[in-house]
Structures are given as structure tokens and as C-alpha cells.
């Protein structure tokens, strides 16, 4: 007699009578499925394909530049592309999936192509953009155009 199969996705797993039902795990799975559904339904289609993700990022404005920090753990420098056209900054690339030896019991990290796209509020100096990737964080410094920089004027 065949054991019942519990299907959650294309890769159905065989039911194991020794495993207890965990409502927390089931709730996490349901939450992830709902999140994917909402992302697919209301997000703009990515030019990189359906599996593209947007990495987490912070953008800070200083008096003379915009500083963007993008979380890209596991990404190598050669897998990152940075383009700037006018005020638009586009960071794209790919996070390659690690080869697994054992059974993958849970997956919450994103793999594949990524895209971070932002239009900066002011004109920028495209010639002096600097970028570095250290400890899984891409640090991009985009200087403001000299005509857009704030200057404090002392009243005499």
C-alpha cells in the first residue's frame, strides 16, 4: 500500500507518520505563499524575468552626495552591474545558488537575478561615482552635481 502524499508544490514530499504537524511551520509556509501571490499580482514585471528580486537597501543624502548601501551577501564583484543615466541609478546582477549536498529543509533566501532601481532627486556628477563591495554590502557614493550642492550663506 502506498503512503499518502502531501503536495505543497511541484515537488511533493512523502508523508512521514513519525513527523508531527507544526502549526508555526505551516503558518510560515502560508505567509510566504501569500507574499509571493501579492508580489506577482501588484508588482511591475521585472525586465530581468519573473524570478528577479529586489535586494534590501538604504539610501542616505548628505550635503554633497547620495550614499546607497545594498545588501548583497554571497554576491561577487564580477556579478554586479552598476549603471547611471542622468538621475537614474540601476544596480543589477545575479546571486548564484550554492550547491547543496544534503536535503534542503527550508529556504528563505533569494537566489537569481536582482534589480535595484532608483531615480535620485537631484542632478548628479556621473563621472565621479564610486562603488565598493565589502562584507556582503555594496556601497555606492553618487556625488551631487556642483550646481545642486547646498551651500550655507552667512548673513553679515
N, C-alpha and C. Protein backbone atom coordinates (compact mmCIF):
# COMPACT_ATOMS: atom_id res chain seq x y z
N UNK A 1 0.84 -1.17 0.00
CA UNK A 1 0.00 0.00 0.00
C UNK A 1 0.88 1.24 0.00
N UNK A 2 0.58 2.16 -0.87
CA UNK A 2 1.37 3.39 -0.98
C UNK A 2 0.98 4.35 0.13
N UNK A 3 1.98 5.06 0.63
CA UNK A 3 1.73 6.07 1.65
C UNK A 3 1.12 7.31 1.01
N UNK A 4 0.25 8.04 1.74
CA UNK A 4 -0.33 9.25 1.17
C UNK A 4 0.74 10.30 0.91
N UNK A 5 0.54 11.07 -0.13
CA UNK A 5 1.49 12.13 -0.49
C UNK A 5 0.85 13.47 -0.20
N UNK A 6 1.60 14.30 0.45
CA UNK A 6 1.11 15.64 0.78
C UNK A 6 1.77 16.62 -0.17
N UNK A 7 1.02 17.21 -1.06
CA UNK A 7 1.60 18.11 -2.07
C UNK A 7 1.50 19.56 -1.66
N UNK A 8 2.65 20.23 -1.60
CA UNK A 8 2.66 21.66 -1.33
C UNK A 8 3.10 22.44 -2.55
N UNK A 9 3.81 21.79 -3.44
CA UNK A 9 4.26 22.42 -4.68
C UNK A 9 4.56 21.32 -5.68
N UNK A 10 5.29 21.65 -6.72
CA UNK A 10 5.60 20.66 -7.75
C UNK A 10 6.38 19.47 -7.19
N UNK A 11 7.20 19.74 -6.18
CA UNK A 11 7.98 18.66 -5.58
C UNK A 11 7.27 18.17 -4.33
N UNK A 12 6.34 17.26 -4.49
CA UNK A 12 5.58 16.73 -3.35
C UNK A 12 6.50 15.86 -2.50
N UNK A 13 6.27 15.91 -1.21
CA UNK A 13 7.06 15.09 -0.30
C UNK A 13 6.18 13.99 0.26
N UNK A 14 6.79 12.87 0.57
CA UNK A 14 6.03 11.75 1.07
C UNK A 14 5.74 11.95 2.56
N UNK A 15 4.55 11.63 2.96
CA UNK A 15 4.12 11.80 4.33
C UNK A 15 4.86 10.84 5.23
N UNK A 16 5.32 11.33 6.35
CA UNK A 16 6.07 10.52 7.30
C UNK A 16 5.27 10.47 8.61
N UNK A 17 4.77 9.33 9.01
CA UNK A 17 3.92 9.24 10.21
C UNK A 17 4.66 9.60 11.50
N UNK A 18 5.99 9.63 11.48
CA UNK A 18 6.74 9.97 12.69
C UNK A 18 6.93 11.48 12.86
N UNK A 19 6.59 12.24 11.83
CA UNK A 19 6.74 13.69 11.90
C UNK A 19 5.47 14.33 12.42
N UNK A 20 5.61 15.20 13.40
CA UNK A 20 4.45 15.88 13.97
C UNK A 20 4.13 17.11 13.15
N UNK A 21 2.87 17.46 13.11
CA UNK A 21 2.42 18.67 12.42
C UNK A 21 2.81 19.88 13.25
N UNK A 22 3.46 20.84 12.63
CA UNK A 22 3.91 22.05 13.32
C UNK A 22 3.15 23.24 12.77
N UNK A 23 2.22 23.82 13.56
CA UNK A 23 1.43 24.93 13.05
C UNK A 23 2.28 26.16 12.70
N UNK A 24 3.37 26.37 13.40
CA UNK A 24 4.24 27.51 13.11
C UNK A 24 4.87 27.38 11.72
N UNK A 25 5.37 26.21 11.40
CA UNK A 25 5.95 25.97 10.09
C UNK A 25 4.89 26.12 9.00
N UNK A 26 3.73 25.60 9.26
CA UNK A 26 2.63 25.70 8.30
C UNK A 26 2.22 27.16 8.09
N UNK A 27 2.18 27.94 9.17
CA UNK A 27 1.85 29.37 9.07
C UNK A 27 2.92 30.12 8.27
N UNK A 28 4.21 29.81 8.51
CA UNK A 28 5.30 30.44 7.75
C UNK A 28 5.17 30.13 6.25
N UNK A 29 4.85 28.89 5.94
CA UNK A 29 4.69 28.49 4.54
C UNK A 29 3.53 29.23 3.89
N UNK A 30 2.42 29.34 4.59
CA UNK A 30 1.26 30.05 4.07
C UNK A 30 1.56 31.54 3.87
N UNK A 31 2.26 32.14 4.83
CA UNK A 31 2.64 33.55 4.72
C UNK A 31 3.53 33.79 3.51
N UNK A 32 4.49 32.90 3.27
CA UNK A 32 5.37 33.03 2.10
C UNK A 32 4.58 32.91 0.81
N UNK A 33 3.65 31.99 0.75
CA UNK A 33 2.84 31.82 -0.45
C UNK A 33 1.98 33.06 -0.71
N UNK A 34 1.39 33.63 0.35
CA UNK A 34 0.58 34.84 0.18
C UNK A 34 1.45 36.02 -0.26
N UNK A 35 2.64 36.13 0.29
CA UNK A 35 3.55 37.21 -0.11
C UNK A 35 3.89 37.10 -1.59
N UNK A 36 4.21 35.89 -2.04
CA UNK A 36 4.51 35.68 -3.47
C UNK A 36 3.31 36.02 -4.34
N UNK A 37 2.12 35.66 -3.90
CA UNK A 37 0.91 35.95 -4.65
C UNK A 37 0.73 37.46 -4.81
N UNK A 38 0.87 38.21 -3.72
CA UNK A 38 0.71 39.67 -3.78
C UNK A 38 1.80 40.30 -4.63
N UNK A 39 3.05 39.81 -4.51
CA UNK A 39 4.14 40.35 -5.33
C UNK A 39 3.85 40.15 -6.81
N UNK A 40 3.41 38.96 -7.17
CA UNK A 40 3.12 38.66 -8.57
C UNK A 40 1.95 39.48 -9.08
N UNK A 41 0.96 39.71 -8.24
CA UNK A 41 -0.27 40.37 -8.66
C UNK A 41 -0.10 41.87 -8.86
N UNK A 42 0.62 42.55 -7.93
CA UNK A 42 0.66 44.01 -7.96
C UNK A 42 2.02 44.62 -8.25
N UNK A 43 3.02 43.82 -8.45
CA UNK A 43 4.32 44.41 -8.74
C UNK A 43 4.51 44.53 -10.24
N UNK A 44 5.34 45.50 -10.62
CA UNK A 44 5.65 45.67 -12.03
C UNK A 44 6.52 44.51 -12.48
N UNK A 45 6.34 44.06 -13.72
CA UNK A 45 7.19 42.97 -14.18
C UNK A 45 8.64 43.45 -14.31
N UNK A 46 9.55 42.63 -13.85
CA UNK A 46 10.96 42.98 -13.90
C UNK A 46 11.52 42.68 -15.28
N UNK A 47 12.37 43.57 -15.81
CA UNK A 47 13.00 43.28 -17.09
C UNK A 47 13.97 42.11 -17.02
N UNK A 48 14.29 41.66 -15.79
CA UNK A 48 15.20 40.54 -15.62
C UNK A 48 14.49 39.20 -15.57
N UNK A 49 13.17 39.21 -15.60
CA UNK A 49 12.43 37.96 -15.57
C UNK A 49 11.59 37.83 -14.32
N UNK A 50 10.84 36.73 -14.25
CA UNK A 50 9.89 36.54 -13.15
C UNK A 50 10.58 36.18 -11.84
N UNK A 51 11.79 35.64 -11.88
CA UNK A 51 12.46 35.23 -10.65
C UNK A 51 13.35 36.31 -10.07
N UNK A 52 13.35 37.51 -10.63
CA UNK A 52 14.20 38.58 -10.14
C UNK A 52 13.69 39.08 -8.79
N UNK A 53 14.61 39.52 -7.95
CA UNK A 53 14.22 40.06 -6.65
C UNK A 53 14.89 41.42 -6.45
N UNK A 54 14.35 42.19 -5.52
CA UNK A 54 14.92 43.49 -5.18
C UNK A 54 15.65 43.34 -3.85
N UNK A 55 16.96 43.58 -3.83
CA UNK A 55 17.69 43.45 -2.56
C UNK A 55 17.35 44.59 -1.60
N UNK A 56 17.55 44.35 -0.32
CA UNK A 56 17.32 45.38 0.69
C UNK A 56 18.38 46.46 0.55
N UNK A 57 17.98 47.73 0.73
CA UNK A 57 18.92 48.84 0.55
C UNK A 57 18.54 50.02 1.41
N UNK A 58 19.54 50.84 1.73
CA UNK A 58 19.34 52.12 2.41
C UNK A 58 19.93 53.20 1.52
N UNK A 59 19.25 54.35 1.46
CA UNK A 59 19.76 55.48 0.69
C UNK A 59 19.79 56.69 1.60
N UNK A 60 20.92 57.34 1.64
CA UNK A 60 21.12 58.49 2.52
C UNK A 60 21.57 59.67 1.68
N UNK A 61 21.08 60.84 2.01
CA UNK A 61 21.51 62.06 1.31
C UNK A 61 22.37 62.89 2.25
N UNK A 62 23.56 63.24 1.79
CA UNK A 62 24.42 64.16 2.52
C UNK A 62 24.43 65.48 1.75
N UNK A 63 25.19 66.45 2.24
CA UNK A 63 25.24 67.74 1.57
C UNK A 63 25.80 67.64 0.15
N UNK A 64 26.73 66.70 -0.07
CA UNK A 64 27.40 66.64 -1.37
C UNK A 64 27.20 65.35 -2.16
N UNK A 65 26.42 64.39 -1.62
CA UNK A 65 26.29 63.11 -2.34
C UNK A 65 25.08 62.32 -1.85
N UNK A 66 24.76 61.29 -2.64
CA UNK A 66 23.79 60.28 -2.23
C UNK A 66 24.60 59.02 -1.95
N UNK A 67 24.32 58.38 -0.82
CA UNK A 67 25.05 57.18 -0.42
C UNK A 67 24.04 56.05 -0.36
N UNK A 68 24.29 55.00 -1.14
CA UNK A 68 23.38 53.86 -1.21
C UNK A 68 24.12 52.61 -0.74
N UNK A 69 23.55 51.91 0.23
CA UNK A 69 24.09 50.64 0.71
C UNK A 69 23.09 49.55 0.36
N UNK A 70 23.52 48.56 -0.41
CA UNK A 70 22.66 47.48 -0.87
C UNK A 70 23.17 46.16 -0.30
N UNK A 71 22.29 45.39 0.35
CA UNK A 71 22.69 44.10 0.92
C UNK A 71 22.77 43.04 -0.17
N UNK A 72 23.98 42.54 -0.41
CA UNK A 72 24.19 41.52 -1.43
C UNK A 72 25.09 40.40 -0.89
N UNK A 73 24.68 39.72 0.19
CA UNK A 73 25.53 38.63 0.70
C UNK A 73 25.65 37.51 -0.32
N UNK A 74 26.85 36.99 -0.44
CA UNK A 74 27.09 35.89 -1.35
C UNK A 74 27.29 36.30 -2.80
N UNK A 75 27.28 37.60 -3.09
CA UNK A 75 27.45 38.07 -4.46
C UNK A 75 28.90 38.52 -4.65
N UNK A 76 29.49 38.13 -5.77
CA UNK A 76 30.85 38.53 -6.08
C UNK A 76 30.84 39.81 -6.91
N UNK A 77 31.95 40.55 -6.87
CA UNK A 77 32.05 41.82 -7.60
C UNK A 77 31.76 41.64 -9.08
N UNK A 78 32.23 40.55 -9.64
CA UNK A 78 32.05 40.32 -11.08
C UNK A 78 30.59 40.10 -11.47
N UNK A 79 29.73 39.82 -10.49
CA UNK A 79 28.31 39.56 -10.75
C UNK A 79 27.42 40.78 -10.52
N UNK A 80 28.02 41.97 -10.36
CA UNK A 80 27.26 43.19 -10.10
C UNK A 80 27.49 44.18 -11.25
N UNK A 81 26.40 44.77 -11.75
CA UNK A 81 26.47 45.82 -12.77
C UNK A 81 25.85 47.08 -12.19
N UNK A 82 26.54 48.21 -12.36
CA UNK A 82 26.02 49.49 -11.89
C UNK A 82 26.01 50.44 -13.08
N UNK A 83 24.84 51.03 -13.33
CA UNK A 83 24.70 51.98 -14.43
C UNK A 83 24.05 53.24 -13.89
N UNK A 84 24.47 54.38 -14.46
CA UNK A 84 23.83 55.64 -14.10
C UNK A 84 23.58 56.41 -15.38
N UNK A 85 22.36 56.87 -15.50
CA UNK A 85 21.95 57.64 -16.67
C UNK A 85 21.14 58.83 -16.17
N UNK A 86 21.76 60.00 -16.23
CA UNK A 86 21.10 61.17 -15.66
C UNK A 86 20.98 61.00 -14.16
N UNK A 87 19.75 61.03 -13.65
CA UNK A 87 19.50 60.86 -12.21
C UNK A 87 19.12 59.43 -11.85
N UNK A 88 19.05 58.54 -12.81
CA UNK A 88 18.61 57.16 -12.57
C UNK A 88 19.80 56.25 -12.30
N UNK A 89 19.76 55.55 -11.16
CA UNK A 89 20.79 54.59 -10.78
C UNK A 89 20.19 53.20 -10.83
N UNK A 90 20.85 52.30 -11.57
CA UNK A 90 20.38 50.92 -11.70
C UNK A 90 21.49 49.98 -11.27
N UNK A 91 21.20 49.16 -10.27
CA UNK A 91 22.14 48.14 -9.80
C UNK A 91 21.49 46.79 -10.08
N UNK A 92 22.18 45.96 -10.86
CA UNK A 92 21.63 44.65 -11.21
C UNK A 92 22.73 43.61 -11.15
N UNK A 93 22.33 42.38 -11.23
CA UNK A 93 23.30 41.30 -11.21
C UNK A 93 22.64 39.98 -10.88
N UNK A 94 23.45 39.08 -10.35
CA UNK A 94 22.94 37.75 -10.05
C UNK A 94 23.58 37.20 -8.80
N UNK A 95 22.74 36.62 -7.93
CA UNK A 95 23.23 35.87 -6.78
C UNK A 95 23.09 34.40 -7.15
N UNK A 96 24.21 33.73 -7.27
CA UNK A 96 24.21 32.34 -7.70
C UNK A 96 23.88 31.42 -6.52
N UNK A 97 23.07 30.41 -6.80
CA UNK A 97 22.67 29.47 -5.76
C UNK A 97 23.84 28.57 -5.41
N UNK A 98 24.01 28.34 -4.12
CA UNK A 98 25.08 27.46 -3.66
C UNK A 98 24.71 26.01 -3.94
N UNK A 99 25.70 25.22 -4.25
CA UNK A 99 25.46 23.79 -4.48
C UNK A 99 25.21 23.12 -3.13
N UNK A 100 24.17 22.33 -3.06
CA UNK A 100 23.78 21.67 -1.81
C UNK A 100 24.16 20.19 -1.86
N UNK A 101 24.55 19.67 -0.70
CA UNK A 101 24.88 18.26 -0.60
C UNK A 101 23.74 17.51 0.07
N UNK A 102 23.20 18.09 1.13
CA UNK A 102 22.14 17.44 1.89
C UNK A 102 20.76 17.87 1.41
N UNK A 103 19.77 17.51 2.19
CA UNK A 103 18.39 17.87 1.88
C UNK A 103 18.14 19.30 2.33
N UNK A 104 17.55 20.07 1.49
CA UNK A 104 17.21 21.45 1.84
C UNK A 104 15.87 21.42 2.56
N UNK A 105 15.89 21.68 3.86
CA UNK A 105 14.69 21.60 4.67
C UNK A 105 13.86 22.87 4.64
N UNK A 106 14.53 24.01 4.45
CA UNK A 106 13.83 25.29 4.44
C UNK A 106 14.61 26.27 3.61
N UNK A 107 13.92 27.08 2.84
CA UNK A 107 14.57 28.08 2.01
C UNK A 107 13.85 29.41 2.18
N UNK A 108 14.59 30.43 2.63
CA UNK A 108 14.02 31.77 2.74
C UNK A 108 14.87 32.81 2.04
N UNK A 109 16.09 32.45 1.61
CA UNK A 109 16.96 33.40 0.93
C UNK A 109 16.62 33.45 -0.56
N UNK A 110 16.84 34.61 -1.16
CA UNK A 110 16.55 34.80 -2.57
C UNK A 110 17.78 34.49 -3.42
N UNK A 111 17.54 33.83 -4.55
CA UNK A 111 18.60 33.48 -5.49
C UNK A 111 18.19 33.96 -6.87
N UNK A 112 19.16 34.14 -7.73
CA UNK A 112 18.87 34.51 -9.11
C UNK A 112 19.21 35.96 -9.39
N UNK A 113 18.56 36.51 -10.41
CA UNK A 113 18.80 37.88 -10.83
C UNK A 113 18.20 38.86 -9.83
N UNK A 114 18.87 40.00 -9.66
CA UNK A 114 18.34 41.05 -8.79
C UNK A 114 18.41 42.39 -9.51
N UNK A 115 17.56 43.31 -9.04
CA UNK A 115 17.49 44.64 -9.64
C UNK A 115 17.12 45.65 -8.57
N UNK A 116 17.94 46.68 -8.43
CA UNK A 116 17.64 47.83 -7.57
C UNK A 116 17.68 49.05 -8.47
N UNK A 117 16.58 49.76 -8.55
CA UNK A 117 16.44 50.88 -9.49
C UNK A 117 15.89 52.08 -8.73
N UNK A 118 16.57 53.23 -8.80
CA UNK A 118 16.11 54.42 -8.09
C UNK A 118 16.40 55.65 -8.94
N UNK A 119 15.48 56.59 -8.90
CA UNK A 119 15.71 57.89 -9.52
C UNK A 119 16.05 58.87 -8.40
N UNK A 120 17.23 59.46 -8.48
CA UNK A 120 17.71 60.37 -7.45
C UNK A 120 17.04 61.73 -7.60
N UNK A 121 16.83 62.46 -6.49
CA UNK A 121 16.08 63.71 -6.54
C UNK A 121 16.75 64.85 -7.31
N UNK A 122 18.09 64.89 -7.34
CA UNK A 122 18.81 65.99 -7.97
C UNK A 122 19.78 65.48 -9.02
N UNK A 123 20.29 66.39 -9.84
CA UNK A 123 21.31 66.03 -10.82
C UNK A 123 22.57 65.56 -10.10
N UNK A 124 23.29 64.63 -10.74
CA UNK A 124 24.48 64.05 -10.11
C UNK A 124 25.69 64.18 -11.03
N UNK A 125 26.84 64.01 -10.43
CA UNK A 125 28.11 64.03 -11.16
C UNK A 125 28.42 62.59 -11.59
N UNK A 126 28.03 62.22 -12.80
CA UNK A 126 28.16 60.83 -13.26
C UNK A 126 29.60 60.36 -13.35
N UNK A 127 30.53 61.28 -13.53
CA UNK A 127 31.94 60.92 -13.72
C UNK A 127 32.65 60.49 -12.44
N UNK A 128 32.10 60.82 -11.29
CA UNK A 128 32.80 60.55 -10.04
C UNK A 128 32.05 59.60 -9.11
N UNK A 129 31.23 58.74 -9.66
CA UNK A 129 30.52 57.74 -8.85
C UNK A 129 31.52 56.69 -8.38
N UNK A 130 31.45 56.31 -7.11
CA UNK A 130 32.35 55.31 -6.54
C UNK A 130 31.54 54.15 -5.99
N UNK A 131 32.07 52.93 -6.11
CA UNK A 131 31.38 51.75 -5.59
C UNK A 131 32.39 50.77 -5.02
N UNK A 132 31.99 50.12 -3.91
CA UNK A 132 32.82 49.06 -3.33
C UNK A 132 31.90 48.00 -2.74
N UNK A 133 32.39 46.77 -2.73
CA UNK A 133 31.63 45.64 -2.18
C UNK A 133 32.46 44.99 -1.08
N UNK A 134 32.00 45.15 0.17
CA UNK A 134 32.71 44.60 1.32
C UNK A 134 31.72 43.94 2.26
N UNK A 135 32.05 42.74 2.71
CA UNK A 135 31.24 42.01 3.70
C UNK A 135 29.79 41.89 3.28
N UNK A 136 29.53 41.70 1.99
CA UNK A 136 28.18 41.49 1.51
C UNK A 136 27.34 42.75 1.37
N UNK A 137 27.96 43.93 1.51
CA UNK A 137 27.24 45.19 1.35
C UNK A 137 27.89 45.99 0.23
N UNK A 138 27.09 46.33 -0.78
CA UNK A 138 27.56 47.18 -1.87
C UNK A 138 27.35 48.62 -1.44
N UNK A 139 28.43 49.40 -1.43
CA UNK A 139 28.40 50.80 -1.01
C UNK A 139 28.63 51.65 -2.26
N UNK A 140 27.63 52.46 -2.62
CA UNK A 140 27.74 53.31 -3.80
C UNK A 140 27.60 54.76 -3.36
N UNK A 141 28.56 55.58 -3.77
CA UNK A 141 28.53 57.02 -3.46
C UNK A 141 28.37 57.77 -4.77
N UNK A 142 27.26 58.51 -4.88
CA UNK A 142 26.95 59.26 -6.09
C UNK A 142 27.01 60.74 -5.74
N UNK A 143 28.08 61.45 -6.17
CA UNK A 143 28.19 62.88 -5.84
C UNK A 143 27.11 63.70 -6.54
N UNK A 144 26.64 64.73 -5.85
CA UNK A 144 25.69 65.64 -6.46
C UNK A 144 26.42 66.53 -7.45
N UNK A 145 25.68 67.02 -8.41
CA UNK A 145 26.24 67.97 -9.36
C UNK A 145 26.64 69.22 -8.59
N UNK A 146 27.75 69.85 -8.97
CA UNK A 146 28.24 71.01 -8.21
C UNK A 146 27.23 72.14 -8.17
N UNK A 147 26.38 72.25 -9.18
CA UNK A 147 25.38 73.32 -9.17
C UNK A 147 24.22 73.01 -8.21
N UNK A 148 24.06 71.73 -7.83
CA UNK A 148 22.97 71.35 -6.93
C UNK A 148 23.39 71.24 -5.47
N UNK A 149 24.67 71.41 -5.19
CA UNK A 149 25.13 71.26 -3.81
C UNK A 149 24.63 72.41 -2.94
N UNK A 150 24.29 72.04 -1.74
CA UNK A 150 23.88 73.06 -0.77
C UNK A 150 25.10 73.84 -0.31
N UNK A 151 24.88 75.09 -0.14
CA UNK A 151 25.94 75.93 0.36
C UNK A 151 25.34 76.84 1.42
N UNK A 152 25.97 76.91 2.54
CA UNK A 152 25.47 77.77 3.62
C UNK A 152 26.00 79.17 3.39
N UNK A 153 25.11 80.15 3.46
CA UNK A 153 25.48 81.54 3.27
C UNK A 153 25.36 82.25 4.62
N UNK A 154 26.45 82.79 5.07
CA UNK A 154 26.44 83.55 6.32
C UNK A 154 25.87 84.95 6.07
N UNK A 155 25.01 85.36 6.94
CA UNK A 155 24.43 86.69 6.86
C UNK A 155 25.34 87.65 7.61
N UNK A 156 25.71 88.74 6.95
CA UNK A 156 26.62 89.72 7.57
C UNK A 156 25.87 90.92 8.07
